[in-house]
C-alpha atoms as a PDB file:
ATOM      1  CA  MET A   1      82.409  98.905 108.266  1.00  0.00           C
ATOM      2  CA  LYS A   2      80.501  95.661 108.740  1.00  0.00           C
ATOM      3  CA  LEU A   3      81.504  93.337 111.553  1.00  0.00           C
ATOM      4  CA  THR A   4      82.466  89.990 110.157  1.00  0.00           C
ATOM      5  CA  ILE A   5      83.339  87.845 113.183  1.00  0.00           C
ATOM      6  CA  SER A   6      81.362  87.440 116.409  1.00  0.00           C
ATOM      7  CA  VAL A   7      82.308  85.387 119.457  1.00  0.00           C
ATOM      8  CA  TYR A   8      79.653  84.068 121.842  1.00  0.00           C
ATOM      9  CA  GLY A   9      79.678  82.084 125.041  1.00  0.00           C
ATOM     10  CA  TYR A  10      77.007  79.566 125.909  1.00  0.00           C
ATOM     11  CA  GLY A  11      76.398  76.613 128.190  1.00  0.00           C
ATOM     12  CA  SER A  12      76.874  75.968 131.876  1.00  0.00           C
ATOM     13  CA  TYR A  13      79.968  78.145 132.343  1.00  0.00           C
ATOM     14  CA  PHE A  14      78.158  81.224 131.067  1.00  0.00           C
ATOM     15  CA  ILE A  15      75.114  80.720 133.268  1.00  0.00           C
ATOM     16  CA  GLY A  16      77.295  80.481 136.368  1.00  0.00           C
ATOM     17  CA  ASN A  17      77.159  76.738 136.989  1.00  0.00           C
ATOM     18  CA  SER A  18      80.133  75.878 139.196  1.00  0.00           C
ATOM     19  CA  LYS A  19      80.131  72.306 137.864  1.00  0.00           C
ATOM     20  CA  TYR A  20      80.844  73.135 134.228  1.00  0.00           C
ATOM     21  CA  LYS A  21      82.862  70.576 132.251  1.00  0.00           C
ATOM     22  CA  ASP A  22      83.991  72.870 129.470  1.00  0.00           C
ATOM     23  CA  ILE A  23      83.709  76.440 128.270  1.00  0.00           C
ATOM     24  CA  ASP A  24      81.516  76.534 125.188  1.00  0.00           C
ATOM     25  CA  ILE A  25      82.431  79.206 122.661  1.00  0.00           C
ATOM     26  CA  LEU A  26      80.750  79.914 119.314  1.00  0.00           C
ATOM     27  CA  ILE A  27      82.449  81.835 116.524  1.00  0.00           C
ATOM     28  CA  THR A  28      80.254  83.095 113.697  1.00  0.00           C
ATOM     29  CA  HIS A  29      81.596  84.635 110.515  1.00  0.00           C
ATOM     30  CA  ILE A  30      80.013  86.265 107.493  1.00  0.00           C
ATOM     31  CA  SER A  31      82.548  85.505 104.800  1.00  0.00           C
ATOM     32  CA  THR A  32      83.135  81.879 103.858  1.00  0.00           C
ATOM     33  CA  ASP A  33      85.974  82.406 101.415  1.00  0.00           C
ATOM     34  CA  TYR A  34      89.151  80.402 101.936  1.00  0.00           C
ATOM     35  CA  ASN A  35      91.224  83.128 103.640  1.00  0.00           C
ATOM     36  CA  SER A  36      88.393  84.106 105.972  1.00  0.00           C
ATOM     37  CA  CYS A  37      87.939  80.481 107.003  1.00  0.00           C
ATOM     38  CA  LEU A  38      91.673  80.180 107.713  1.00  0.00           C
ATOM     39  CA  GLU A  39      91.435  83.321 109.839  1.00  0.00           C
ATOM     40  CA  VAL A  40      88.536  81.935 111.873  1.00  0.00           C
ATOM     41  CA  ILE A  41      90.363  78.627 112.338  1.00  0.00           C
ATOM     42  CA  ALA A  42      93.387  80.578 113.621  1.00  0.00           C
ATOM     43  CA  LEU A  43      91.078  82.409 116.061  1.00  0.00           C
ATOM     44  CA  LYS A  44      89.723  79.063 117.268  1.00  0.00           C
ATOM     45  CA  LYS A  45      93.284  77.812 117.849  1.00  0.00           C
ATOM     46  CA  SER A  46      94.113  80.976 119.808  1.00  0.00           C
ATOM     47  CA  ILE A  47      91.062  80.498 122.030  1.00  0.00           C
ATOM     48  CA  VAL A  48      91.749  76.792 122.624  1.00  0.00           C
ATOM     49  CA  ASN A  49      95.412  77.498 123.431  1.00  0.00           C
ATOM     50  CA  GLU A  50      94.599  80.341 125.826  1.00  0.00           C
ATOM     51  CA  ILE A  51      91.443  79.162 127.611  1.00  0.00           C
ATOM     52  CA  GLU A  52      91.683  75.819 129.354  1.00  0.00           C
ATOM     53  CA  GLY A  53      88.639  73.664 128.682  1.00  0.00           C
ATOM     54  CA  ALA A  54      87.450  75.733 125.717  1.00  0.00           C
ATOM     55  CA  ASP A  55      85.194  73.871 123.300  1.00  0.00           C
ATOM     56  CA  VAL A  56      84.930  76.056 120.216  1.00  0.00           C
ATOM     57  CA  THR A  57      82.295  75.713 117.497  1.00  0.00           C
ATOM     58  CA  ILE A  58      82.506  77.635 114.229  1.00  0.00           C
ATOM     59  CA  LEU A  59      79.425  78.453 112.156  1.00  0.00           C
ATOM     60  CA  SER A  60      78.910  80.721 109.203  1.00  0.00           C
ATOM     61  CA  CYS A  61      76.252  83.347 109.846  1.00  0.00           C
ATOM     62  CA  VAL A  62      74.026  81.582 107.301  1.00  0.00           C
ATOM     63  CA  ALA A  63      74.346  78.253 109.141  1.00  0.00           C
ATOM     64  CA  GLU A  64      73.765  79.935 112.505  1.00  0.00           C
ATOM     65  CA  SER A  65      70.561  81.535 111.258  1.00  0.00           C
ATOM     66  CA  GLU A  66      69.342  78.216 109.829  1.00  0.00           C
ATOM     67  CA  PHE A  67      69.892  76.504 113.188  1.00  0.00           C
ATOM     68  CA  ASN A  68      68.956  79.587 115.238  1.00  0.00           C
ATOM     69  CA  PHE A  69      71.837  78.473 117.421  1.00  0.00           C
ATOM     70  CA  ILE A  70      72.435  81.704 119.315  1.00  0.00           C
ATOM     71  CA  GLN A  71      68.843  81.993 120.489  1.00  0.00           C
ATOM     72  CA  GLN A  72      68.403  78.256 121.125  1.00  0.00           C
ATOM     73  CA  SER A  73      71.553  78.055 123.246  1.00  0.00           C
ATOM     74  CA  LYS A  74      70.945  81.426 124.948  1.00  0.00           C
ATOM     75  CA  ALA A  75      74.432  82.475 123.890  1.00  0.00           C
ATOM     76  CA  VAL A  76      75.878  85.752 125.122  1.00  0.00           C
ATOM     77  CA  LEU A  77      77.873  88.031 122.869  1.00  0.00           C
ATOM     78  CA  LEU A  78      81.480  88.311 124.021  1.00  0.00           C
ATOM     79  CA  SER A  79      83.108  90.188 121.154  1.00  0.00           C
ATOM     80  CA  GLU A  80      82.578  91.419 117.603  1.00  0.00           C
ATOM     81  CA  PHE A  81      85.267  92.564 115.233  1.00  0.00           C
ATOM     82  CA  VAL A  82      86.323  92.937 111.662  1.00  0.00           C
ATOM     83  CA  GLN A  83      88.691  90.295 110.360  1.00  0.00           C
ATOM     84  CA  ASN A  84      92.116  89.607 111.824  1.00  0.00           C
ATOM     85  CA  PRO A  85      91.728  90.463 115.523  1.00  0.00           C
ATOM     86  CA  ASN A  86      94.822  92.063 116.997  1.00  0.00           C
ATOM     87  CA  LYS A  87      96.499  91.064 120.253  1.00  0.00           C
ATOM     88  CA  LEU A  88      94.581  93.671 122.287  1.00  0.00           C
ATOM     89  CA  ILE A  89      91.204  92.410 121.050  1.00  0.00           C
ATOM     90  CA  LEU A  90      92.199  88.816 121.841  1.00  0.00           C
ATOM     91  CA  THR A  91      93.470  89.765 125.308  1.00  0.00           C
ATOM     92  CA  GLU A  92      90.171  91.551 126.052  1.00  0.00           C
ATOM     93  CA  LEU A  93      88.227  88.525 124.814  1.00  0.00           C
ATOM     94  CA  PHE A  94      90.232  86.117 126.999  1.00  0.00           C
ATOM     95  CA  GLN A  95      89.814  88.356 130.052  1.00  0.00           C
ATOM     96  CA  LYS A  96      86.094  88.634 129.429  1.00  0.00           C
ATOM     97  CA  VAL A  97      85.708  84.845 129.212  1.00  0.00           C
ATOM     98  CA  ARG A  98      87.762  84.268 132.365  1.00  0.00           C
ATOM     99  CA  GLY A  99      85.883  86.970 134.248  1.00  0.00           C
ATOM    100  CA  TYR A 100      82.459  85.871 133.108  1.00  0.00           C
ATOM    101  CA  LYS A 101      82.156  83.107 135.676  1.00  0.00           C
ATOM    102  CA  ASN A 102      82.807  85.562 138.493  1.00  0.00           C
ATOM    103  CA  ILE A 103      80.248  87.995 137.066  1.00  0.00           C
ATOM    104  CA  THR A 104      77.521  85.367 136.784  1.00  0.00           C
ATOM    105  CA  ARG A 105      78.320  83.928 140.207  1.00  0.00           C
ATOM    106  CA  HIS A 106      78.039  87.408 141.686  1.00  0.00           C
ATOM    107  CA  LEU A 107      74.755  88.052 139.916  1.00  0.00           C
ATOM    108  CA  ASN A 108      73.430  84.713 141.156  1.00  0.00           C
ATOM    109  CA  GLY A 109      74.318  85.653 144.745  1.00  0.00           C
ATOM    110  CA  THR A 110      77.281  83.320 145.139  1.00  0.00           C
ATOM    111  CA  LYS A 111      80.094  84.660 147.293  1.00  0.00           C
ATOM    112  CA  ILE A 112      83.264  85.245 145.302  1.00  0.00           C
ATOM    113  CA  VAL A 113      86.548  84.527 147.057  1.00  0.00           C
ATOM    114  CA  GLY A 114      89.807  86.039 145.848  1.00  0.00           C
END
């Protein structure tokens, strides 16, 4: 089964900068039919509602490859799934985003409190 939706993080939050202004998220999707686009828009709304400061960009896989956005922005893959992510997949994605700052701070040698 081919994965159709990928979620990436990029920008200052994902490189461990403590002075980030937002949390940049990229959603890429293979299918550009109407229902698939509605599904990706719903995913964007879920992310924005759940993650404070999330700034979500949506690109089709074709557009992403034309811009080479993932490589240019040094985006990190957070999740991949087939259409219509369930609650468990979304919960894991949200936890991964929230925990990412602590992971990068630890890797950069910053002491983590709490």
